[in-house]
Structures are given as C-alpha cells and as structure tokens.
N, C-alpha and C. Protein backbone atom coordinates (compact mmCIF):
# COMPACT_ATOMS: atom_id res chain seq x y z
N MET A 1 -31.87 29.85 -6.18
CA MET A 1 -30.70 30.14 -6.73
C MET A 1 -30.55 28.18 -6.32
N THR A 2 -29.47 27.70 -6.86
CA THR A 2 -29.45 26.31 -6.64
C THR A 2 -27.97 26.15 -6.76
N PRO A 3 -26.94 25.29 -6.13
CA PRO A 3 -26.12 25.36 -5.54
C PRO A 3 -25.62 24.20 -6.59
N SER A 4 -24.46 24.25 -7.27
CA SER A 4 -23.45 24.16 -7.89
C SER A 4 -23.58 21.82 -8.08
N PRO A 5 -23.69 21.49 -8.70
CA PRO A 5 -22.90 19.98 -8.27
C PRO A 5 -21.62 19.74 -8.31
N LYS A 6 -21.30 18.97 -6.88
CA LYS A 6 -19.62 18.96 -7.02
C LYS A 6 -18.90 18.48 -8.11
N SER A 7 -17.80 18.90 -8.50
CA SER A 7 -17.57 18.50 -9.54
C SER A 7 -16.73 16.37 -9.37
N PRO A 8 -16.50 16.69 -10.46
CA PRO A 8 -16.08 14.61 -9.90
C PRO A 8 -14.49 14.86 -8.36
N PRO A 9 -14.09 15.28 -9.20
CA PRO A 9 -12.74 14.73 -7.46
C PRO A 9 -13.65 15.13 -6.57
N GLU A 10 -14.94 15.93 -5.81
CA GLU A 10 -14.46 16.20 -4.78
C GLU A 10 -15.50 14.71 -4.89
N ASN A 11 -17.03 15.10 -5.86
CA ASN A 11 -17.50 13.59 -5.48
C ASN A 11 -16.52 12.25 -5.04
N LEU A 12 -15.33 11.90 -4.79
CA LEU A 12 -14.69 10.70 -5.93
C LEU A 12 -14.20 10.96 -3.58
N LEU A 13 -13.74 11.52 -3.60
CA LEU A 13 -13.11 12.35 -1.76
C LEU A 13 -14.32 12.22 -1.39
N ALA A 14 -15.03 12.08 -0.66
CA ALA A 14 -16.91 12.51 -0.20
C ALA A 14 -16.31 10.95 -0.38
N ARG A 15 -16.54 9.99 -1.42
CA ARG A 15 -16.81 8.41 -1.31
C ARG A 15 -15.81 7.78 -0.63
N TRP A 16 -14.67 7.79 -0.67
CA TRP A 16 -13.85 7.62 0.39
C TRP A 16 -13.92 7.83 0.78
N GLY A 17 -14.87 9.08 2.10
CA GLY A 17 -14.59 9.22 3.57
C GLY A 17 -13.75 10.49 3.07
N PHE A 18 -13.35 10.96 2.44
CA PHE A 18 -12.36 12.66 2.97
C PHE A 18 -13.37 13.08 3.03
N SER A 19 -12.57 13.52 4.42
CA SER A 19 -13.44 15.44 5.10
C SER A 19 -11.90 15.93 5.79
N TRP A 20 -12.21 16.79 6.24
CA TRP A 20 -11.41 18.26 6.81
C TRP A 20 -11.49 17.27 8.17
N ARG A 21 -12.75 17.28 9.03
CA ARG A 21 -12.83 16.56 10.56
C ARG A 21 -11.83 15.15 10.64
N GLY A 22 -12.27 14.75 9.44
CA GLY A 22 -11.28 13.14 9.32
C GLY A 22 -9.49 12.82 9.27
N LEU A 23 -9.32 14.24 8.50
CA LEU A 23 -7.54 14.68 8.69
C LEU A 23 -7.18 15.23 10.86
N ARG A 24 -8.35 15.70 10.94
CA ARG A 24 -8.17 16.29 12.05
C ARG A 24 -8.29 15.04 13.09
N ASP A 25 -8.58 13.88 12.83
CA ASP A 25 -8.49 12.92 13.91
C ASP A 25 -8.86 11.69 13.27
N ASN A 26 -8.15 10.91 13.16
CA ASN A 26 -8.29 10.36 11.55
C ASN A 26 -9.45 9.76 11.47
N ARG A 27 -11.02 9.65 11.59
CA ARG A 27 -12.00 8.84 11.08
C ARG A 27 -11.14 7.61 10.49
N HIS A 28 -11.33 7.79 9.92
CA HIS A 28 -11.13 6.18 8.38
C HIS A 28 -9.26 6.48 7.70
N GLY A 29 -8.58 7.02 9.17
CA GLY A 29 -7.59 6.33 8.92
C GLY A 29 -6.71 7.28 7.60
N GLU A 30 -7.16 8.54 8.06
CA GLU A 30 -5.81 9.63 7.13
C GLU A 30 -4.39 10.03 7.02
N TRP A 31 -4.46 9.61 8.71
CA TRP A 31 -2.81 10.15 8.47
C TRP A 31 -1.95 8.38 8.82
N TRP A 32 -3.19 7.53 8.43
CA TRP A 32 -1.88 6.00 8.10
C TRP A 32 -1.93 6.17 6.25
N LEU A 33 -2.59 6.72 5.70
CA LEU A 33 -3.07 7.32 4.67
C LEU A 33 -1.78 8.28 3.87
N ALA A 34 -1.64 9.36 5.21
CA ALA A 34 -0.56 10.10 4.72
C ALA A 34 0.57 10.12 4.82
N ALA A 35 0.73 8.96 5.79
CA ALA A 35 1.92 8.22 6.48
C ALA A 35 2.99 7.31 5.18
N GLN A 36 1.73 6.73 4.95
CA GLN A 36 1.83 6.08 3.23
C GLN A 36 2.84 6.94 2.81
N LEU A 37 1.89 7.83 1.72
CA LEU A 37 2.26 8.53 0.92
C LEU A 37 3.77 9.60 1.18
N LEU A 38 3.72 10.13 2.28
CA LEU A 38 4.95 10.71 2.95
C LEU A 38 5.62 9.27 2.34
N LEU A 39 5.67 8.35 3.33
CA LEU A 39 6.92 7.50 2.74
C LEU A 39 7.29 6.90 1.31
N ILE A 40 6.54 6.48 0.40
CA ILE A 40 6.82 7.30 -1.11
C ILE A 40 6.87 8.17 -1.38
N ALA A 41 6.37 9.63 -1.81
CA ALA A 41 7.50 10.34 -2.22
C ALA A 41 8.70 10.24 -2.03
N ALA A 42 8.86 9.92 -0.87
CA ALA A 42 10.48 10.71 0.02
C ALA A 42 12.00 9.54 -0.31
N HIS A 43 10.41 8.30 -0.87
CA HIS A 43 11.79 7.40 -2.34
C HIS A 43 12.49 8.38 -3.24
N LEU A 44 11.66 9.99 -3.63
CA LEU A 44 12.76 10.28 -4.44
C LEU A 44 13.81 10.51 -3.67
N LEU A 45 14.20 10.88 -2.60
CA LEU A 45 15.75 11.92 -2.04
C LEU A 45 16.30 10.61 -3.00
N PRO A 46 17.65 11.33 -2.56
CA PRO A 46 19.05 10.47 -3.86
C PRO A 46 19.35 9.61 -2.64
N PRO A 47 20.13 8.59 -3.56
CA PRO A 47 21.11 7.44 -2.71
C PRO A 47 21.80 7.92 -1.58
N TRP A 48 20.97 7.60 -0.10
CA TRP A 48 22.36 7.97 0.81
C TRP A 48 22.71 6.30 1.86
N PRO A 49 23.88 6.65 1.61
CA PRO A 49 25.13 6.81 2.00
C PRO A 49 25.41 6.94 -0.22
N ALA A 50 25.96 7.80 -0.50
CA ALA A 50 26.45 7.69 -1.93
C ALA A 50 26.88 6.84 -2.60
N PRO A 51 26.40 6.07 -3.47
CA PRO A 51 27.00 4.81 -3.84
C PRO A 51 28.33 4.81 -4.10
N GLY A 52 28.90 4.13 -3.93
CA GLY A 52 30.63 4.23 -4.46
C GLY A 52 31.19 4.11 -2.90
N SER A 53 30.53 5.14 -2.16
CA SER A 53 31.03 6.72 -0.93
C SER A 53 31.80 5.19 -0.09
N TRP A 54 32.02 4.18 0.04
CA TRP A 54 31.77 2.75 0.71
C TRP A 54 33.94 2.01 0.16
N GLY A 55 33.95 2.80 -1.36
CA GLY A 55 34.63 2.30 -1.59
C GLY A 55 34.80 1.33 -2.25
N TYR A 56 33.91 0.45 -2.82
CA TYR A 56 33.47 0.02 -4.02
C TYR A 56 31.80 0.16 -4.62
N ALA A 57 32.07 -0.26 -5.89
CA ALA A 57 30.43 0.21 -6.83
C ALA A 57 29.66 -0.71 -6.22
N TRP A 58 28.60 -0.13 -6.43
CA TRP A 58 27.41 -1.43 -6.03
C TRP A 58 27.40 -2.10 -6.91
N PRO A 59 27.16 -4.02 -6.66
CA PRO A 59 27.42 -4.88 -7.20
C PRO A 59 26.32 -4.30 -9.15
N LEU A 60 26.24 -4.64 -10.23
CA LEU A 60 25.02 -4.16 -11.37
C LEU A 60 24.17 -5.37 -11.06
N PRO A 61 24.76 -7.07 -11.02
CA PRO A 61 23.03 -7.92 -10.84
C PRO A 61 22.44 -7.04 -9.98
N LEU A 62 22.90 -6.43 -8.87
CA LEU A 62 21.71 -5.91 -6.83
C LEU A 62 20.90 -4.63 -7.82
N ALA A 63 21.68 -4.26 -8.92
CA ALA A 63 21.05 -2.92 -9.60
C ALA A 63 19.80 -3.46 -9.92
N ILE A 64 20.05 -4.35 -10.97
CA ILE A 64 19.06 -4.88 -12.52
C ILE A 64 18.07 -6.10 -11.62
N SER A 65 18.83 -6.91 -10.65
CA SER A 65 17.06 -7.69 -9.88
C SER A 65 16.59 -6.45 -8.52
N GLY A 66 17.28 -5.08 -8.75
CA GLY A 66 16.47 -4.40 -8.27
C GLY A 66 15.35 -3.12 -9.02
N ALA A 67 15.66 -3.29 -10.40
CA ALA A 67 15.25 -2.46 -10.92
C ALA A 67 13.21 -3.69 -11.98
N VAL A 68 14.59 -4.73 -11.64
CA VAL A 68 12.98 -6.56 -12.27
C VAL A 68 11.98 -5.94 -10.77
N LEU A 69 12.53 -6.44 -9.69
CA LEU A 69 11.58 -6.13 -8.78
C LEU A 69 10.52 -5.32 -9.12
N LEU A 70 11.08 -3.46 -8.75
CA LEU A 70 10.68 -2.31 -8.74
C LEU A 70 10.03 -3.10 -10.24
N VAL A 71 10.13 -3.21 -11.70
CA VAL A 71 8.88 -3.06 -12.77
C VAL A 71 8.34 -4.25 -12.02
N VAL A 72 8.17 -5.44 -11.38
CA VAL A 72 7.31 -6.78 -10.73
C VAL A 72 6.01 -5.71 -9.85
N GLY A 73 6.76 -4.87 -8.98
CA GLY A 73 6.08 -3.96 -8.56
C GLY A 73 4.73 -3.37 -9.21
N LEU A 74 5.04 -2.99 -10.20
CA LEU A 74 3.95 -2.42 -10.96
C LEU A 74 3.40 -2.95 -10.92
N VAL A 75 4.24 -3.57 -11.80
CA VAL A 75 2.86 -4.97 -13.03
C VAL A 75 2.19 -5.06 -11.79
N LEU A 76 1.94 -5.65 -10.82
CA LEU A 76 1.13 -6.14 -9.87
C LEU A 76 0.28 -5.29 -9.20
N ALA A 77 1.12 -4.15 -8.77
CA ALA A 77 -0.10 -2.48 -8.41
C ALA A 77 -1.21 -2.86 -9.39
N ALA A 78 -0.87 -2.25 -10.47
CA ALA A 78 -2.01 -2.42 -11.79
C ALA A 78 -2.37 -3.93 -11.81
N GLN A 79 -2.19 -4.36 -11.03
CA GLN A 79 -3.20 -6.09 -11.96
C GLN A 79 -4.26 -6.19 -10.92
N ALA A 80 -3.48 -5.55 -9.23
CA ALA A 80 -4.49 -5.21 -8.38
C ALA A 80 -5.62 -3.72 -8.16
N LEU A 81 -5.58 -2.87 -8.92
CA LEU A 81 -5.93 -1.88 -9.18
C LEU A 81 -7.31 -2.25 -9.92
N PHE A 82 -7.43 -3.30 -10.88
CA PHE A 82 -8.12 -3.55 -12.03
C PHE A 82 -9.18 -4.20 -11.13
N ASN A 83 -8.83 -5.86 -10.87
CA ASN A 83 -8.97 -6.18 -10.20
C ASN A 83 -9.37 -5.39 -8.90
N LEU A 84 -9.38 -4.20 -8.39
CA LEU A 84 -10.30 -4.12 -7.13
C LEU A 84 -11.09 -3.34 -7.66
N GLY A 85 -11.33 -2.23 -8.72
CA GLY A 85 -12.34 -1.35 -9.95
C GLY A 85 -12.86 -0.46 -8.69
N ALA A 86 -14.33 -0.56 -9.11
CA ALA A 86 -15.11 0.77 -8.10
C ALA A 86 -15.44 0.62 -6.73
N SER A 87 -14.51 -0.78 -5.76
CA SER A 87 -14.19 -0.84 -4.18
C SER A 87 -12.65 -0.44 -3.58
N LEU A 88 -12.07 0.71 -4.27
CA LEU A 88 -11.22 1.25 -4.49
C LEU A 88 -11.09 2.77 -3.80
N SER A 89 -10.29 2.51 -2.56
CA SER A 89 -10.37 3.29 -1.48
C SER A 89 -8.83 3.88 -1.41
N PRO A 90 -7.90 4.78 -1.22
CA PRO A 90 -6.55 4.99 -0.25
C PRO A 90 -6.74 4.38 1.20
N LEU A 91 -7.89 4.69 1.70
CA LEU A 91 -8.10 5.17 3.80
C LEU A 91 -8.57 2.97 3.66
N PRO A 92 -8.40 3.64 4.50
CA PRO A 92 -8.27 2.31 5.29
C PRO A 92 -9.59 1.62 5.25
N GLN A 93 -10.33 2.46 5.39
CA GLN A 93 -11.92 1.97 5.34
C GLN A 93 -12.44 2.03 4.39
N PRO A 94 -13.36 0.57 4.62
CA PRO A 94 -13.94 0.10 2.76
C PRO A 94 -15.43 1.54 2.79
N MET A 95 -15.15 1.79 1.65
CA MET A 95 -16.65 2.52 1.02
C MET A 95 -18.00 2.17 1.33
N ALA A 96 -18.35 2.73 1.66
CA ALA A 96 -19.61 1.99 1.82
C ALA A 96 -20.49 0.90 0.68
N GLY A 97 -20.82 0.76 0.57
CA GLY A 97 -21.98 -0.73 0.24
C GLY A 97 -20.78 -1.15 -1.15
N ALA A 98 -19.09 -1.25 -1.46
CA ALA A 98 -19.01 -1.29 -1.73
C ALA A 98 -18.31 -3.38 -1.39
N ALA A 99 -18.29 -3.77 -2.90
CA ALA A 99 -18.14 -5.00 -2.97
C ALA A 99 -16.68 -5.88 -2.61
N LEU A 100 -16.66 -7.11 -1.52
CA LEU A 100 -15.53 -7.92 -0.82
C LEU A 100 -14.91 -8.73 -1.84
N VAL A 101 -12.99 -7.88 -2.42
CA VAL A 101 -12.77 -8.69 -3.60
C VAL A 101 -11.71 -9.81 -3.67
N THR A 102 -11.65 -11.06 -3.88
CA THR A 102 -11.32 -11.97 -3.23
C THR A 102 -10.44 -13.11 -4.14
N ARG A 103 -10.50 -12.80 -4.95
CA ARG A 103 -10.66 -13.40 -6.95
C ARG A 103 -9.12 -12.06 -7.16
N GLY A 104 -8.98 -12.87 -8.59
CA GLY A 104 -7.38 -12.29 -9.16
C GLY A 104 -6.74 -12.00 -8.04
N ALA A 105 -6.21 -11.11 -8.47
CA ALA A 105 -4.55 -11.01 -7.48
C ALA A 105 -4.83 -10.70 -5.25
N TYR A 106 -6.08 -10.17 -5.68
CA TYR A 106 -6.88 -10.60 -4.02
C TYR A 106 -6.96 -11.94 -3.27
N GLY A 107 -7.30 -13.25 -4.14
CA GLY A 107 -6.91 -14.00 -4.26
C GLY A 107 -5.43 -15.07 -3.71
N ARG A 108 -4.35 -13.66 -4.07
CA ARG A 108 -3.49 -14.36 -4.57
C ARG A 108 -2.74 -13.66 -2.49
N CYS A 109 -3.58 -12.79 -2.54
CA CYS A 109 -3.46 -12.14 -0.49
C CYS A 109 -4.57 -11.08 -0.63
N ARG A 110 -4.99 -10.96 0.62
CA ARG A 110 -5.65 -9.43 0.61
C ARG A 110 -4.83 -8.25 0.53
N HIS A 111 -3.91 -7.86 0.56
CA HIS A 111 -3.38 -6.23 0.77
C HIS A 111 -2.62 -6.50 -0.50
N PRO A 112 -2.70 -6.63 -2.08
CA PRO A 112 -2.18 -6.91 -3.00
C PRO A 112 -1.37 -6.07 -3.98
N LEU A 113 -1.75 -4.66 -3.55
CA LEU A 113 -1.42 -3.05 -3.63
C LEU A 113 -0.12 -3.37 -2.31
N TYR A 114 -0.99 -3.31 -0.93
CA TYR A 114 0.44 -2.99 0.21
C TYR A 114 1.30 -4.12 -0.52
N GLN A 115 1.99 -5.33 -0.74
CA GLN A 115 2.80 -5.43 -1.25
C GLN A 115 3.61 -5.48 -2.42
N ALA A 116 2.28 -4.48 -3.33
CA ALA A 116 2.92 -4.04 -4.54
C ALA A 116 3.59 -2.86 -4.00
N ILE A 117 3.77 -2.12 -3.67
CA ILE A 117 4.74 -0.63 -2.75
C ILE A 117 5.45 -2.04 -2.61
N LEU A 118 5.64 -2.37 -0.94
CA LEU A 118 6.61 -3.10 -0.46
C LEU A 118 7.62 -3.45 -1.58
N LEU A 119 7.38 -4.53 -2.86
CA LEU A 119 8.11 -4.52 -4.25
C LEU A 119 8.43 -3.23 -4.48
N CYS A 120 7.71 -3.16 -4.88
CA CYS A 120 7.99 -1.33 -5.34
C CYS A 120 9.64 -0.80 -4.38
N SER A 121 9.50 -0.97 -3.21
CA SER A 121 10.32 0.30 -2.34
C SER A 121 11.48 -0.71 -2.67
N LEU A 122 12.03 -2.08 -2.31
CA LEU A 122 12.83 -2.80 -2.18
C LEU A 122 13.71 -2.80 -3.38
N GLY A 123 12.53 -2.75 -4.14
CA GLY A 123 13.24 -2.70 -5.92
C GLY A 123 13.86 -1.10 -5.75
N VAL A 124 13.95 -0.34 -5.35
CA VAL A 124 14.04 0.55 -5.53
C VAL A 124 15.79 0.46 -4.76
N SER A 125 15.52 0.23 -3.87
CA SER A 125 17.09 0.31 -2.38
C SER A 125 17.23 -0.11 -3.12
N LEU A 126 17.52 -2.04 -3.42
CA LEU A 126 18.34 -2.51 -4.56
C LEU A 126 19.09 -1.46 -5.41
N ALA A 127 18.06 -0.70 -5.61
CA ALA A 127 18.32 -0.24 -7.25
C ALA A 127 19.87 0.73 -6.96
N LEU A 128 19.32 1.24 -5.97
CA LEU A 128 20.15 2.24 -5.39
C LEU A 128 21.62 1.71 -4.68
N GLY A 129 21.32 0.70 -4.02
CA GLY A 129 22.72 0.42 -2.68
C GLY A 129 22.62 1.63 -1.63
N SER A 130 20.94 1.90 -2.03
CA SER A 130 20.85 3.46 -0.34
C SER A 130 20.46 2.98 0.40
N LEU A 131 20.95 3.07 1.68
CA LEU A 131 19.99 2.82 3.19
C LEU A 131 19.63 3.74 3.87
N LEU A 132 19.20 4.88 3.06
CA LEU A 132 18.59 5.11 3.41
C LEU A 132 17.23 4.82 3.01
N HIS A 133 17.49 4.31 1.19
CA HIS A 133 15.60 3.40 0.93
C HIS A 133 15.42 2.14 2.08
N LEU A 134 16.49 2.16 1.77
CA LEU A 134 16.18 0.68 2.90
C LEU A 134 15.53 0.80 4.30
N GLY A 135 15.82 2.23 4.20
CA GLY A 135 14.77 3.05 6.36
C GLY A 135 13.40 3.38 5.48
N LEU A 136 13.94 3.47 4.38
CA LEU A 136 11.92 4.14 3.89
C LEU A 136 11.57 2.69 3.36
N CYS A 137 12.33 1.15 3.41
CA CYS A 137 11.26 -0.06 3.15
C CYS A 137 11.01 0.11 3.63
N LEU A 138 10.95 0.13 5.52
CA LEU A 138 11.02 -1.27 6.77
C LEU A 138 9.81 0.27 7.15
N ALA A 139 10.28 0.90 6.95
CA ALA A 139 8.85 2.20 8.12
C ALA A 139 7.67 2.04 7.27
N LEU A 140 7.50 1.66 5.35
CA LEU A 140 6.94 0.80 4.70
C LEU A 140 6.47 -0.28 5.08
N VAL A 141 6.82 -0.89 5.84
CA VAL A 141 6.45 -2.24 6.36
C VAL A 141 5.97 -2.04 7.43
N ALA A 142 6.05 -0.96 8.63
CA ALA A 142 5.33 -1.08 9.14
C ALA A 142 4.04 0.03 9.30
N VAL A 143 4.77 0.84 8.70
CA VAL A 143 2.87 1.55 8.42
C VAL A 143 2.08 0.79 7.78
N LEU A 144 2.60 0.35 6.13
CA LEU A 144 1.62 -0.67 6.04
C LEU A 144 0.81 -2.41 6.75
N GLY A 145 1.89 -2.26 7.52
CA GLY A 145 1.42 -3.88 8.25
C GLY A 145 -0.57 -3.02 9.32
N GLY A 146 0.41 -1.65 10.21
CA GLY A 146 -0.66 -0.91 10.25
C GLY A 146 -1.84 -0.70 9.55
N LYS A 147 -1.77 -0.18 9.18
CA LYS A 147 -3.40 0.69 7.95
C LYS A 147 -3.79 -1.52 7.24
N ALA A 148 -3.41 -2.06 7.54
CA ALA A 148 -4.07 -3.15 6.64
C ALA A 148 -4.24 -3.81 7.73
N ARG A 149 -4.19 -3.80 9.68
CA ARG A 149 -4.62 -4.70 9.97
C ARG A 149 -5.78 -3.67 11.03
N ARG A 150 -6.00 -2.13 10.46
CA ARG A 150 -7.40 -1.24 10.58
C ARG A 150 -7.96 -2.03 9.94
N GLU A 151 -7.90 -1.83 8.37
CA GLU A 151 -8.35 -1.88 6.93
C GLU A 151 -9.38 -3.08 7.98
N GLU A 152 -8.33 -4.77 8.31
CA GLU A 152 -8.85 -5.88 7.96
C GLU A 152 -9.89 -6.00 9.54
N ARG A 153 -9.84 -4.99 10.19
CA ARG A 153 -10.95 -4.32 11.48
C ARG A 153 -12.50 -4.50 11.14
N ALA A 154 -12.26 -3.03 10.16
CA ALA A 154 -13.05 -2.81 9.71
C ALA A 154 -14.03 -3.56 8.49
N LEU A 155 -12.56 -4.37 7.89
CA LEU A 155 -13.87 -5.90 7.11
C LEU A 155 -14.72 -6.67 7.22
N MET A 156 -14.14 -6.89 8.81
CA MET A 156 -14.92 -8.32 8.92
C MET A 156 -15.70 -7.24 9.66
N ALA A 157 -15.83 -6.12 9.75
CA ALA A 157 -16.93 -5.30 10.26
C ALA A 157 -18.33 -5.84 9.23
N VAL A 158 -17.81 -5.33 8.05
CA VAL A 158 -19.04 -4.75 6.94
C VAL A 158 -19.56 -6.55 5.82
N HIS A 159 -17.97 -7.11 6.13
CA HIS A 159 -18.56 -8.27 5.40
C HIS A 159 -18.92 -8.92 6.03
N PRO A 160 -19.62 -10.23 6.16
CA PRO A 160 -19.06 -11.53 6.97
C PRO A 160 -18.38 -12.32 7.04
N GLY A 161 -18.01 -12.51 4.72
CA GLY A 161 -16.96 -13.68 4.73
C GLY A 161 -15.68 -12.81 4.72
N TYR A 162 -15.92 -11.82 5.14
CA TYR A 162 -14.38 -11.89 5.60
C TYR A 162 -13.20 -12.67 6.49
N ALA A 163 -13.93 -13.76 7.53
CA ALA A 163 -13.59 -14.35 8.44
C ALA A 163 -12.01 -15.24 8.01
N ASP A 164 -13.34 -15.89 6.58
CA ASP A 164 -13.14 -17.28 6.03
C ASP A 164 -11.88 -17.25 5.46
N TYR A 165 -11.79 -15.86 4.66
CA TYR A 165 -11.11 -15.33 4.55
C TYR A 165 -9.71 -14.79 4.14
N ARG A 166 -10.01 -14.09 5.19
CA ARG A 166 -8.41 -13.90 5.92
C ARG A 166 -7.65 -15.27 6.66
N ALA A 167 -8.78 -16.66 7.46
CA ALA A 167 -8.15 -17.06 7.14
C ALA A 167 -7.52 -18.25 6.39
N ALA A 168 -7.62 -18.61 5.07
CA ALA A 168 -7.07 -19.37 3.91
C ALA A 168 -6.07 -17.97 3.33
N THR A 169 -5.94 -16.90 3.35
CA THR A 169 -5.22 -16.13 2.54
C THR A 169 -4.00 -15.02 3.36
N PRO A 170 -2.56 -15.29 3.09
CA PRO A 170 -2.04 -14.39 2.99
C PRO A 170 -2.32 -13.05 3.78
N ALA A 171 -1.56 -12.18 4.19
CA ALA A 171 -2.30 -10.35 4.50
C ALA A 171 -1.50 -9.35 2.96
N ILE A 172 -0.22 -9.81 3.20
CA ILE A 172 0.93 -8.90 2.24
C ILE A 172 1.80 -9.91 1.63
N MET A 173 2.39 -10.65 1.97
CA MET A 173 3.80 -11.44 1.90
C MET A 173 3.05 -12.92 2.42
N PRO A 174 3.08 -14.08 1.76
CA PRO A 174 2.77 -14.73 3.29
C PRO A 174 4.46 -15.36 4.02
N ARG A 175 4.00 -15.99 4.77
CA ARG A 175 4.53 -16.18 5.94
C ARG A 175 5.58 -15.56 6.48
N LEU A 176 5.89 -13.85 6.42
CA LEU A 176 6.58 -13.74 6.76
C LEU A 176 6.14 -12.74 8.17
N PRO A 177 5.97 -12.56 9.90
CA PRO A 177 5.50 -12.25 10.75
C PRO A 177 4.82 -10.97 10.54
N TRP A 178 4.40 -9.60 10.87
CA TRP A 178 4.24 -8.16 10.66
C TRP A 178 3.62 -8.63 9.45
N LEU A 179 4.00 -9.47 8.10
CA LEU A 179 3.61 -8.43 6.78
C LEU A 179 2.07 -10.24 6.58
N ASP A 180 2.16 -11.40 7.51
CA ASP A 180 1.05 -12.51 7.05
C ASP A 180 0.93 -12.86 8.66
N TRP A 181 -0.67 -12.47 9.41
CA TRP A 181 -1.29 -12.64 9.88
C TRP A 181 -1.85 -13.67 10.21
N ARG A 182 -2.35 -14.75 9.35
CA ARG A 182 -3.50 -15.24 9.85
C ARG A 182 -3.80 -15.47 11.02
N THR A 183 -5.44 -16.49 10.62
CA THR A 183 -6.06 -16.15 12.33
C THR A 183 -6.33 -17.58 11.69
C-alpha cells in the first residue's frame, strides 16, 4: 500500500517550514508569527474606552483619516504579496531556494507587509479612537520589529547581496529608529 500524497495545505505548510517541533522550540520563528497573529486578531475587539465615554465625540476627520489609512495599508499589502509571489512565507525563516525580492514594494522598504500591517493597525486605532487599539498597534511595532530582525539575520546568511540591499533600503518605516535600522 502506498502512502497517500499530502494535501496542498500540508505541502504549503511543510514548504514554509512549519512543524510540531517548531511550535515547541521556535526553530523557524513560529512564536513571532503566533504573537503577530494574536495581535492582529485582537483588533477585532471593541474600542476601549468606548467612543464618547470621555464626554466628547471622536472627531470625524480623525475617523475618516483612520479609514483611509486602513485602505492604504490593505492596498500596500496586496502589492507586497503580489511582488513576493512564490517567496512568500509567514515565518521569519526564508524558504529554501526562495529568491530575494528587491523590486516593487520591496524597493520602497525591506518589509512592506509589516509596513502595511502597521498602517492598517494605526488606521483602525484612528478610526475607532481606541486606546486599546493604539496599544495593540504599539505591541505590533515591537513584535514586527523583532520578527524582521530575526528574518534579516537569516536572509544575510542565505543571500550574499542582502547586505547591500539592507544598507540602501529602509526596513519598515524610514527614519523611525525601531522600524529602520539601516547599516
């Protein structure tokens, strides 16, 4: 009897490097991804404090600006996903044999998906006028900054040209110390 072939989702997870061992020991950065997904999912929580609980309404221009920022973040995420193509992995460990992408959204910054996530998070915070969501956004800054640094250590080992790309291109957001660490 021959073993049944893996289903497409199992193949993709294996190609990305997911394993039960990795979930236990973080060998490919699984814990960074788990923290990222948890913080993104927490954006579904209702705003806190409730809008208007401080005795004034949240300004409409700020709410509209937040909604626009959310849409801009979604567009930038779609662009980055398209540019990354087959090199996409949700883990900070690059896939074996994946090409280094430095054009399109990746010519603007080294981690445009992280940039898009942060813009979406900030947009939600502004749209809702929520301190809770602002806190989630700041937590995402910490998590995505750490995840990007781990990813870059692996990319330096795999792609000889990564050092030049890193020196010339902002990491996530230009001129923000935790989000741009060009050398």
